[in-house]
Amino acid sequence: MRPEQLQQEQSSRDSIATQIGALLRARPGSQTPLAQRAAWFARKADLFGQLAEHYGPVDPQEAAECRYLATVAAEEAARLRSVSRHPAGRARLRTPEVA
């Protein structure tokens, strides 16, 4: 690999780590309003969807893992949005630990 390719790859890894770190630092707590928690999971789904596209051509296994994480996060965002629209459902809300 040429030096400029190595530098570009390192920059890409740094950017990915920075984005994931920022997402994790912004993770809402269990007392955060449902709409804000749903928005966080939607951001997580978007980030891992982008990562799946990034890794797709070079690492199919990593891309598949990123797609899985994006799907799980999108489903959690949808669940939280659904529960937040139905007041009766809020009383039954159980928050699974989703990394």
PDB file of N, CA and C in Angstrom:
ATOM      1  N   MET A   1       0.850  -1.172   0.000  1.00  0.00           N
ATOM      2  CA  MET A   1       0.000   0.000   0.000  1.00  0.00           C
ATOM      3  C   MET A   1       0.898   1.238   0.000  1.00  0.00           C
ATOM      4  N   ARG A   2       0.522   2.202  -0.807  1.00  0.00           N
ATOM      5  CA  ARG A   2       1.311   3.426  -0.907  1.00  0.00           C
ATOM      6  C   ARG A   2       1.093   4.299   0.327  1.00  0.00           C
ATOM      7  N   PRO A   3       2.061   5.182   0.628  1.00  0.00           N
ATOM      8  CA  PRO A   3       1.950   6.035   1.821  1.00  0.00           C
ATOM      9  C   PRO A   3       0.665   6.863   1.863  1.00  0.00           C
ATOM     10  N   GLU A   4       0.247   7.401   0.707  1.00  0.00           N
ATOM     11  CA  GLU A   4      -0.987   8.208   0.712  1.00  0.00           C
ATOM     12  C   GLU A   4      -2.226   7.343   0.969  1.00  0.00           C
ATOM     13  N   GLN A   5      -2.184   6.081   0.530  1.00  0.00           N
ATOM     14  CA  GLN A   5      -3.295   5.167   0.825  1.00  0.00           C
ATOM     15  C   GLN A   5      -3.338   4.829   2.313  1.00  0.00           C
ATOM     16  N   LEU A   6      -2.157   4.610   2.892  1.00  0.00           N
ATOM     17  CA  LEU A   6      -2.088   4.338   4.325  1.00  0.00           C
ATOM     18  C   LEU A   6      -2.611   5.522   5.136  1.00  0.00           C
ATOM     19  N   GLN A   7      -2.228   6.712   4.727  1.00  0.00           N
ATOM     20  CA  GLN A   7      -2.678   7.916   5.429  1.00  0.00           C
ATOM     21  C   GLN A   7      -4.195   8.085   5.300  1.00  0.00           C
ATOM     22  N   GLN A   8      -4.726   7.814   4.121  1.00  0.00           N
ATOM     23  CA  GLN A   8      -6.166   7.918   3.911  1.00  0.00           C
ATOM     24  C   GLN A   8      -6.907   6.879   4.752  1.00  0.00           C
ATOM     25  N   GLU A   9      -6.388   5.667   4.825  1.00  0.00           N
ATOM     26  CA  GLU A   9      -7.005   4.613   5.637  1.00  0.00           C
ATOM     27  C   GLU A   9      -6.976   4.982   7.118  1.00  0.00           C
ATOM     28  N   GLN A  10      -5.851   5.524   7.579  1.00  0.00           N
ATOM     29  CA  GLN A  10      -5.742   5.945   8.982  1.00  0.00           C
ATOM     30  C   GLN A  10      -6.736   7.069   9.275  1.00  0.00           C
ATOM     31  N   SER A  11      -6.854   7.999   8.362  1.00  0.00           N
ATOM     32  CA  SER A  11      -7.800   9.108   8.522  1.00  0.00           C
ATOM     33  C   SER A  11      -9.233   8.587   8.589  1.00  0.00           C
ATOM     34  N   SER A  12      -9.553   7.607   7.761  1.00  0.00           N
ATOM     35  CA  SER A  12     -10.884   7.004   7.756  1.00  0.00           C
ATOM     36  C   SER A  12     -11.170   6.321   9.085  1.00  0.00           C
ATOM     37  N   ARG A  13     -10.184   5.555   9.594  1.00  0.00           N
ATOM     38  CA  ARG A  13     -10.350   4.879  10.897  1.00  0.00           C
ATOM     39  C   ARG A  13     -10.539   5.893  12.013  1.00  0.00           C
ATOM     40  N   ASP A  14      -9.761   6.986  11.978  1.00  0.00           N
ATOM     41  CA  ASP A  14      -9.885   8.022  12.999  1.00  0.00           C
ATOM     42  C   ASP A  14     -11.271   8.657  12.950  1.00  0.00           C
ATOM     43  N   SER A  15     -11.759   8.910  11.748  1.00  0.00           N
ATOM     44  CA  SER A  15     -13.079   9.509  11.590  1.00  0.00           C
ATOM     45  C   SER A  15     -14.169   8.588  12.122  1.00  0.00           C
ATOM     46  N   ILE A  16     -14.076   7.310  11.810  1.00  0.00           N
ATOM     47  CA  ILE A  16     -15.066   6.335  12.284  1.00  0.00           C
ATOM     48  C   ILE A  16     -15.033   6.266  13.805  1.00  0.00           C
ATOM     49  N   ALA A  17     -13.837   6.190  14.375  1.00  0.00           N
ATOM     50  CA  ALA A  17     -13.710   6.131  15.833  1.00  0.00           C
ATOM     51  C   ALA A  17     -14.265   7.398  16.472  1.00  0.00           C
ATOM     52  N   THR A  18     -14.016   8.536  15.866  1.00  0.00           N
ATOM     53  CA  THR A  18     -14.531   9.800  16.385  1.00  0.00           C
ATOM     54  C   THR A  18     -16.055   9.818  16.362  1.00  0.00           C
ATOM     55  N   GLN A  19     -16.633   9.361  15.260  1.00  0.00           N
ATOM     56  CA  GLN A  19     -18.097   9.350  15.149  1.00  0.00           C
ATOM     57  C   GLN A  19     -18.736   8.398  16.155  1.00  0.00           C
ATOM     58  N   ILE A  20     -18.168   7.216  16.308  1.00  0.00           N
ATOM     59  CA  ILE A  20     -18.716   6.254  17.270  1.00  0.00           C
ATOM     60  C   ILE A  20     -18.536   6.785  18.692  1.00  0.00           C
ATOM     61  N   GLY A  21     -17.384   7.368  18.981  1.00  0.00           N
ATOM     62  CA  GLY A  21     -17.146   7.949  20.303  1.00  0.00           C
ATOM     63  C   GLY A  21     -18.139   9.047  20.627  1.00  0.00           C
ATOM     64  N   ALA A  22     -18.403   9.924  19.665  1.00  0.00           N
ATOM     65  CA  ALA A  22     -19.370  10.998  19.881  1.00  0.00           C
ATOM     66  C   ALA A  22     -20.769  10.433  20.120  1.00  0.00           C
ATOM     67  N   LEU A  23     -21.123   9.401  19.370  1.00  0.00           N
ATOM     68  CA  LEU A  23     -22.430   8.769  19.553  1.00  0.00           C
ATOM     69  C   LEU A  23     -22.538   8.180  20.957  1.00  0.00           C
ATOM     70  N   LEU A  24     -21.516   7.471  21.402  1.00  0.00           N
ATOM     71  CA  LEU A  24     -21.545   6.854  22.728  1.00  0.00           C
ATOM     72  C   LEU A  24     -21.585   7.896  23.844  1.00  0.00           C
ATOM     73  N   ARG A  25     -20.869   8.993  23.673  1.00  0.00           N
ATOM     74  CA  ARG A  25     -20.897  10.046  24.701  1.00  0.00           C
ATOM     75  C   ARG A  25     -22.264  10.702  24.798  1.00  0.00           C
ATOM     76  N   ALA A  26     -23.011  10.700  23.716  1.00  0.00           N
ATOM     77  CA  ALA A  26     -24.332  11.332  23.687  1.00  0.00           C
ATOM     78  C   ALA A  26     -25.456  10.368  24.059  1.00  0.00           C
ATOM     79  N   ARG A  27     -25.110   9.140  24.418  1.00  0.00           N
ATOM     80  CA  ARG A  27     -26.139   8.140  24.718  1.00  0.00           C
ATOM     81  C   ARG A  27     -27.042   8.623  25.842  1.00  0.00           C
ATOM     82  N   PRO A  28     -28.346   8.602  25.593  1.00  0.00           N
ATOM     83  CA  PRO A  28     -29.284   9.087  26.612  1.00  0.00           C
ATOM     84  C   PRO A  28     -29.481   8.068  27.731  1.00  0.00           C
ATOM     85  N   GLY A  29     -29.829   8.573  28.886  1.00  0.00           N
ATOM     86  CA  GLY A  29     -30.117   7.706  30.020  1.00  0.00           C
ATOM     87  C   GLY A  29     -31.557   7.241  30.002  1.00  0.00           C
ATOM     88  N   SER A  30     -31.890   6.390  30.934  1.00  0.00           N
ATOM     89  CA  SER A  30     -33.240   5.820  30.968  1.00  0.00           C
ATOM     90  C   SER A  30     -34.301   6.857  31.317  1.00  0.00           C
ATOM     91  N   GLN A  31     -33.908   7.971  31.911  1.00  0.00           N
ATOM     92  CA  GLN A  31     -34.875   9.009  32.271  1.00  0.00           C
ATOM     93  C   GLN A  31     -35.053  10.053  31.162  1.00  0.00           C
ATOM     94  N   THR A  32     -34.311   9.925  30.096  1.00  0.00           N
ATOM     95  CA  THR A  32     -34.425  10.844  28.963  1.00  0.00           C
ATOM     96  C   THR A  32     -35.760  10.625  28.278  1.00  0.00           C
ATOM     97  N   PRO A  33     -36.428  11.697  27.839  1.00  0.00           N
ATOM     98  CA  PRO A  33     -37.713  11.537  27.142  1.00  0.00           C
ATOM     99  C   PRO A  33     -37.592  10.573  25.951  1.00  0.00           C
ATOM    100  N   LEU A  34     -38.670   9.842  25.741  1.00  0.00           N
ATOM    101  CA  LEU A  34     -38.674   8.808  24.696  1.00  0.00           C
ATOM    102  C   LEU A  34     -38.321   9.356  23.318  1.00  0.00           C
ATOM    103  N   ALA A  35     -38.824  10.526  22.982  1.00  0.00           N
ATOM    104  CA  ALA A  35     -38.552  11.093  21.655  1.00  0.00           C
ATOM    105  C   ALA A  35     -37.050  11.332  21.466  1.00  0.00           C
ATOM    106  N   GLN A  36     -36.374  11.777  22.511  1.00  0.00           N
ATOM    107  CA  GLN A  36     -34.928  12.015  22.419  1.00  0.00           C
ATOM    108  C   GLN A  36     -34.167  10.692  22.339  1.00  0.00           C
ATOM    109  N   ARG A  37     -34.635   9.695  23.068  1.00  0.00           N
ATOM    110  CA  ARG A  37     -33.999   8.381  22.983  1.00  0.00           C
ATOM    111  C   ARG A  37     -34.191   7.793  21.595  1.00  0.00           C
ATOM    112  N   ALA A  38     -35.391   7.954  21.035  1.00  0.00           N
ATOM    113  CA  ALA A  38     -35.659   7.457  19.682  1.00  0.00           C
ATOM    114  C   ALA A  38     -34.745   8.144  18.671  1.00  0.00           C
ATOM    115  N   ALA A  39     -34.550   9.453  18.841  1.00  0.00           N
ATOM    116  CA  ALA A  39     -33.679  10.194  17.920  1.00  0.00           C
ATOM    117  C   ALA A  39     -32.237   9.686  18.006  1.00  0.00           C
ATOM    118  N   TRP A  40     -31.781   9.358  19.216  1.00  0.00           N
ATOM    119  CA  TRP A  40     -30.423   8.833  19.377  1.00  0.00           C
ATOM    120  C   TRP A  40     -30.282   7.495  18.651  1.00  0.00           C
ATOM    121  N   PHE A  41     -31.262   6.612  18.821  1.00  0.00           N
ATOM    122  CA  PHE A  41     -31.196   5.313  18.144  1.00  0.00           C
ATOM    123  C   PHE A  41     -31.268   5.489  16.625  1.00  0.00           C
ATOM    124  N   ALA A  42     -32.022   6.478  16.159  1.00  0.00           N
ATOM    125  CA  ALA A  42     -32.075   6.752  14.720  1.00  0.00           C
ATOM    126  C   ALA A  42     -30.701   7.210  14.218  1.00  0.00           C
ATOM    127  N   ARG A  43     -30.014   8.051  15.009  1.00  0.00           N
ATOM    128  CA  ARG A  43     -28.653   8.477  14.634  1.00  0.00           C
ATOM    129  C   ARG A  43     -27.702   7.282  14.610  1.00  0.00           C
ATOM    130  N   LYS A  44     -27.853   6.393  15.580  1.00  0.00           N
ATOM    131  CA  LYS A  44     -27.017   5.195  15.616  1.00  0.00           C
ATOM    132  C   LYS A  44     -27.267   4.340  14.377  1.00  0.00           C
ATOM    133  N   ALA A  45     -28.538   4.165  14.016  1.00  0.00           N
ATOM    134  CA  ALA A  45     -28.875   3.376  12.831  1.00  0.00           C
ATOM    135  C   ALA A  45     -28.256   3.998  11.583  1.00  0.00           C
ATOM    136  N   ASP A  46     -28.327   5.313  11.481  1.00  0.00           N
ATOM    137  CA  ASP A  46     -27.765   6.005  10.323  1.00  0.00           C
ATOM    138  C   ASP A  46     -26.245   5.830  10.263  1.00  0.00           C
ATOM    139  N   LEU A  47     -25.585   6.003  11.397  1.00  0.00           N
ATOM    140  CA  LEU A  47     -24.128   5.863  11.424  1.00  0.00           C
ATOM    141  C   LEU A  47     -23.704   4.454  11.024  1.00  0.00           C
ATOM    142  N   PHE A  48     -24.345   3.440  11.594  1.00  0.00           N
ATOM    143  CA  PHE A  48     -23.939   2.075  11.259  1.00  0.00           C
ATOM    144  C   PHE A  48     -24.350   1.692   9.836  1.00  0.00           C
ATOM    145  N   GLY A  49     -25.392   2.303   9.312  1.00  0.00           N
ATOM    146  CA  GLY A  49     -25.731   2.111   7.907  1.00  0.00           C
ATOM    147  C   GLY A  49     -24.635   2.664   7.001  1.00  0.00           C
ATOM    148  N   GLN A  50     -24.123   3.841   7.362  1.00  0.00           N
ATOM    149  CA  GLN A  50     -23.019   4.431   6.604  1.00  0.00           C
ATOM    150  C   GLN A  50     -21.763   3.564   6.699  1.00  0.00           C
ATOM    151  N   LEU A  51     -21.519   3.039   7.888  1.00  0.00           N
ATOM    152  CA  LEU A  51     -20.349   2.177   8.062  1.00  0.00           C
ATOM    153  C   LEU A  51     -20.485   0.896   7.240  1.00  0.00           C
ATOM    154  N   ALA A  52     -21.687   0.358   7.148  1.00  0.00           N
ATOM    155  CA  ALA A  52     -21.903  -0.843   6.327  1.00  0.00           C
ATOM    156  C   ALA A  52     -21.555  -0.551   4.868  1.00  0.00           C
ATOM    157  N   GLU A  53     -21.946   0.620   4.391  1.00  0.00           N
ATOM    158  CA  GLU A  53     -21.601   1.003   3.015  1.00  0.00           C
ATOM    159  C   GLU A  53     -20.090   1.165   2.869  1.00  0.00           C
ATOM    160  N   HIS A  54     -19.467   1.757   3.875  1.00  0.00           N
ATOM    161  CA  HIS A  54     -18.020   1.980   3.835  1.00  0.00           C
ATOM    162  C   HIS A  54     -17.264   0.649   3.771  1.00  0.00           C
ATOM    163  N   TYR A  55     -17.677  -0.301   4.613  1.00  0.00           N
ATOM    164  CA  TYR A  55     -16.968  -1.578   4.688  1.00  0.00           C
ATOM    165  C   TYR A  55     -17.391  -2.570   3.606  1.00  0.00           C
ATOM    166  N   GLY A  56     -18.533  -2.362   2.995  1.00  0.00           N
ATOM    167  CA  GLY A  56     -19.055  -3.310   2.015  1.00  0.00           C
ATOM    168  C   GLY A  56     -18.043  -3.818   1.006  1.00  0.00           C
ATOM    169  N   PRO A  57     -17.338  -2.919   0.317  1.00  0.00           N
ATOM    170  CA  PRO A  57     -16.404  -3.388  -0.709  1.00  0.00           C
ATOM    171  C   PRO A  57     -15.139  -4.053  -0.164  1.00  0.00           C
ATOM    172  N   VAL A  58     -14.747  -3.737   1.075  1.00  0.00           N
ATOM    173  CA  VAL A  58     -13.464  -4.223   1.562  1.00  0.00           C
ATOM    174  C   VAL A  58     -13.567  -5.311   2.637  1.00  0.00           C
ATOM    175  N   ASP A  59     -14.668  -5.351   3.368  1.00  0.00           N
ATOM    176  CA  ASP A  59     -14.798  -6.317   4.462  1.00  0.00           C
ATOM    177  C   ASP A  59     -16.272  -6.707   4.626  1.00  0.00           C
ATOM    178  N   PRO A  60     -16.727  -7.692   3.844  1.00  0.00           N
ATOM    179  CA  PRO A  60     -18.144  -8.073   3.875  1.00  0.00           C
ATOM    180  C   PRO A  60     -18.645  -8.499   5.256  1.00  0.00           C
ATOM    181  N   GLN A  61     -17.792  -9.133   6.044  1.00  0.00           N
ATOM    182  CA  GLN A  61     -18.214  -9.561   7.380  1.00  0.00           C
ATOM    183  C   GLN A  61     -18.454  -8.345   8.280  1.00  0.00           C
ATOM    184  N   GLU A  62     -17.569  -7.364   8.231  1.00  0.00           N
ATOM    185  CA  GLU A  62     -17.738  -6.141   9.020  1.00  0.00           C
ATOM    186  C   GLU A  62     -18.969  -5.377   8.539  1.00  0.00           C
ATOM    187  N   ALA A  63     -19.185  -5.349   7.238  1.00  0.00           N
ATOM    188  CA  ALA A  63     -20.359  -4.676   6.681  1.00  0.00           C
ATOM    189  C   ALA A  63     -21.644  -5.339   7.175  1.00  0.00           C
ATOM    190  N   ALA A  64     -21.656  -6.666   7.224  1.00  0.00           N
ATOM    191  CA  ALA A  64     -22.837  -7.384   7.706  1.00  0.00           C
ATOM    192  C   ALA A  64     -23.109  -7.069   9.175  1.00  0.00           C
ATOM    193  N   GLU A  65     -22.062  -6.993   9.983  1.00  0.00           N
ATOM    194  CA  GLU A  65     -22.222  -6.645  11.398  1.00  0.00           C
ATOM    195  C   GLU A  65     -22.778  -5.226  11.547  1.00  0.00           C
ATOM    196  N   CYS A  66     -22.265  -4.312  10.741  1.00  0.00           N
ATOM    197  CA  CYS A  66     -22.758  -2.932  10.788  1.00  0.00           C
ATOM    198  C   CYS A  66     -24.224  -2.857  10.349  1.00  0.00           C
ATOM    199  N   ARG A  67     -24.590  -3.615   9.320  1.00  0.00           N
ATOM    200  CA  ARG A  67     -25.995  -3.644   8.885  1.00  0.00           C
ATOM    201  C   ARG A  67     -26.895  -4.181   9.995  1.00  0.00           C
ATOM    202  N   TYR A  68     -26.423  -5.227  10.676  1.00  0.00           N
ATOM    203  CA  TYR A  68     -27.198  -5.792  11.784  1.00  0.00           C
ATOM    204  C   TYR A  68     -27.406  -4.747  12.881  1.00  0.00           C
ATOM    205  N   LEU A  69     -26.326  -4.064  13.276  1.00  0.00           N
ATOM    206  CA  LEU A  69     -26.438  -3.044  14.319  1.00  0.00           C
ATOM    207  C   LEU A  69     -27.347  -1.897  13.873  1.00  0.00           C
ATOM    208  N   ALA A  70     -27.278  -1.529  12.608  1.00  0.00           N
ATOM    209  CA  ALA A  70     -28.159  -0.478  12.086  1.00  0.00           C
ATOM    210  C   ALA A  70     -29.619  -0.913  12.159  1.00  0.00           C
ATOM    211  N   THR A  71     -29.887  -2.162  11.817  1.00  0.00           N
ATOM    212  CA  THR A  71     -31.252  -2.682  11.853  1.00  0.00           C
ATOM    213  C   THR A  71     -31.801  -2.708  13.273  1.00  0.00           C
ATOM    214  N   VAL A  72     -31.011  -3.197  14.206  1.00  0.00           N
ATOM    215  CA  VAL A  72     -31.449  -3.259  15.606  1.00  0.00           C
ATOM    216  C   VAL A  72     -31.722  -1.851  16.143  1.00  0.00           C
ATOM    217  N   ALA A  73     -30.845  -0.920  15.845  1.00  0.00           N
ATOM    218  CA  ALA A  73     -31.029   0.456  16.312  1.00  0.00           C
ATOM    219  C   ALA A  73     -32.265   1.098  15.683  1.00  0.00           C
ATOM    220  N   ALA A  74     -32.495   0.854  14.396  1.00  0.00           N
ATOM    221  CA  ALA A  74     -33.676   1.409  13.724  1.00  0.00           C
ATOM    222  C   ALA A  74     -34.959   0.833  14.319  1.00  0.00           C
ATOM    223  N   GLU A  75     -34.942  -0.458  14.633  1.00  0.00           N
ATOM    224  CA  GLU A  75     -36.118  -1.081  15.245  1.00  0.00           C
ATOM    225  C   GLU A  75     -36.391  -0.493  16.628  1.00  0.00           C
ATOM    226  N   GLU A  76     -35.338  -0.240  17.392  1.00  0.00           N
ATOM    227  CA  GLU A  76     -35.511   0.352  18.728  1.00  0.00           C
ATOM    228  C   GLU A  76     -36.034   1.781  18.602  1.00  0.00           C
ATOM    229  N   ALA A  77     -35.535   2.534  17.640  1.00  0.00           N
ATOM    230  CA  ALA A  77     -36.034   3.898  17.421  1.00  0.00           C
ATOM    231  C   ALA A  77     -37.525   3.865  17.081  1.00  0.00           C
ATOM    232  N   ALA A  78     -37.912   2.950  16.217  1.00  0.00           N
ATOM    233  CA  ALA A  78     -39.327   2.834  15.835  1.00  0.00           C
ATOM    234  C   ALA A  78     -40.184   2.438  17.033  1.00  0.00           C
ATOM    235  N   ARG A  79     -39.671   1.513  17.841  1.00  0.00           N
ATOM    236  CA  ARG A  79     -40.412   1.077  19.028  1.00  0.00           C
ATOM    237  C   ARG A  79     -40.608   2.234  20.002  1.00  0.00           C
ATOM    238  N   LEU A  80     -39.558   2.998  20.238  1.00  0.00           N
ATOM    239  CA  LEU A  80     -39.657   4.125  21.163  1.00  0.00           C
ATOM    240  C   LEU A  80     -40.592   5.206  20.634  1.00  0.00           C
ATOM    241  N   ARG A  81     -40.542   5.469  19.320  1.00  0.00           N
ATOM    242  CA  ARG A  81     -41.472   6.453  18.740  1.00  0.00           C
ATOM    243  C   ARG A  81     -42.908   5.978  18.893  1.00  0.00           C
ATOM    244  N   SER A  82     -43.133   4.698  18.667  1.00  0.00           N
ATOM    245  CA  SER A  82     -44.472   4.135  18.775  1.00  0.00           C
ATOM    246  C   SER A  82     -45.001   4.248  20.203  1.00  0.00           C
ATOM    247  N   VAL A  83     -44.170   3.873  21.156  1.00  0.00           N
ATOM    248  CA  VAL A  83     -44.581   3.925  22.566  1.00  0.00           C
ATOM    249  C   VAL A  83     -44.815   5.372  22.997  1.00  0.00           C
ATOM    250  N   SER A  84     -43.990   6.281  22.525  1.00  0.00           N
ATOM    251  CA  SER A  84     -44.128   7.681  22.943  1.00  0.00           C
ATOM    252  C   SER A  84     -45.415   8.307  22.425  1.00  0.00           C
ATOM    253  N   ARG A  85     -45.973   7.764  21.345  1.00  0.00           N
ATOM    254  CA  ARG A  85     -47.231   8.297  20.796  1.00  0.00           C
ATOM    255  C   ARG A  85     -48.449   7.724  21.509  1.00  0.00           C
ATOM    256  N   HIS A  86     -48.271   6.663  22.272  1.00  0.00           N
ATOM    257  CA  HIS A  86     -49.391   6.005  22.935  1.00  0.00           C
ATOM    258  C   HIS A  86     -49.177   6.061  24.442  1.00  0.00           C
ATOM    259  N   PRO A  87     -49.825   7.001  25.117  1.00  0.00           N
ATOM    260  CA  PRO A  87     -49.601   7.172  26.551  1.00  0.00           C
ATOM    261  C   PRO A  87     -49.783   5.887  27.361  1.00  0.00           C
ATOM    262  N   ALA A  88     -50.745   5.043  27.000  1.00  0.00           N
ATOM    263  CA  ALA A  88     -50.957   3.805  27.758  1.00  0.00           C
ATOM    264  C   ALA A  88     -49.747   2.887  27.628  1.00  0.00           C
ATOM    265  N   GLY A  89     -49.060   2.951  26.511  1.00  0.00           N
ATOM    266  CA  GLY A  89     -47.904   2.097  26.298  1.00  0.00           C
ATOM    267  C   GLY A  89     -46.707   2.518  27.114  1.00  0.00           C
ATOM    268  N   ARG A  90     -46.636   3.792  27.499  1.00  0.00           N
ATOM    269  CA  ARG A  90     -45.487   4.273  28.268  1.00  0.00           C
ATOM    270  C   ARG A  90     -45.375   3.569  29.607  1.00  0.00           C
ATOM    271  N   ALA A  91     -46.526   3.238  30.196  1.00  0.00           N
ATOM    272  CA  ALA A  91     -46.504   2.570  31.501  1.00  0.00           C
ATOM    273  C   ALA A  91     -45.904   1.178  31.389  1.00  0.00           C
ATOM    274  N   ARG A  92     -46.018   0.572  30.220  1.00  0.00           N
ATOM    275  CA  ARG A  92     -45.505  -0.783  30.030  1.00  0.00           C
ATOM    276  C   ARG A  92     -44.117  -0.801  29.398  1.00  0.00           C
ATOM    277  N   LEU A  93     -43.555   0.372  29.188  1.00  0.00           N
ATOM    278  CA  LEU A  93     -42.265   0.452  28.503  1.00  0.00           C
ATOM    279  C   LEU A  93     -41.188  -0.250  29.292  1.00  0.00           C
ATOM    280  N   ARG A  94     -40.541  -1.145  28.621  1.00  0.00           N
ATOM    281  CA  ARG A  94     -39.359  -1.808  29.176  1.00  0.00           C
ATOM    282  C   ARG A  94     -38.210  -1.451  28.268  1.00  0.00           C
ATOM    283  N   THR A  95     -37.152  -0.987  28.849  1.00  0.00           N
ATOM    284  CA  THR A  95     -36.008  -0.567  28.059  1.00  0.00           C
ATOM    285  C   THR A  95     -34.976  -1.674  28.047  1.00  0.00           C
ATOM    286  N   PRO A  96     -34.823  -2.365  26.910  1.00  0.00           N
ATOM    287  CA  PRO A  96     -33.767  -3.376  26.833  1.00  0.00           C
ATOM    288  C   PRO A  96     -32.418  -2.696  26.763  1.00  0.00           C
ATOM    289  N   GLU A  97     -31.428  -3.365  27.251  1.00  0.00           N
ATOM    290  CA  GLU A  97     -30.069  -2.830  27.151  1.00  0.00           C
ATOM    291  C   GLU A  97     -29.569  -3.094  25.730  1.00  0.00           C
ATOM    292  N   VAL A  98     -29.500  -2.036  24.954  1.00  0.00           N
ATOM    293  CA  VAL A  98     -29.019  -2.140  23.577  1.00  0.00           C
ATOM    294  C   VAL A  98     -27.749  -1.325  23.493  1.00  0.00           C
ATOM    295  N   ALA A  99     -26.691  -1.963  23.106  1.00  0.00           N
ATOM    296  CA  ALA A  99     -25.391  -1.289  23.024  1.00  0.00           C
ATOM    297  C   ALA A  99     -25.286  -0.455  21.797  1.00  0.00           C
TER     298      ALA A  99
END
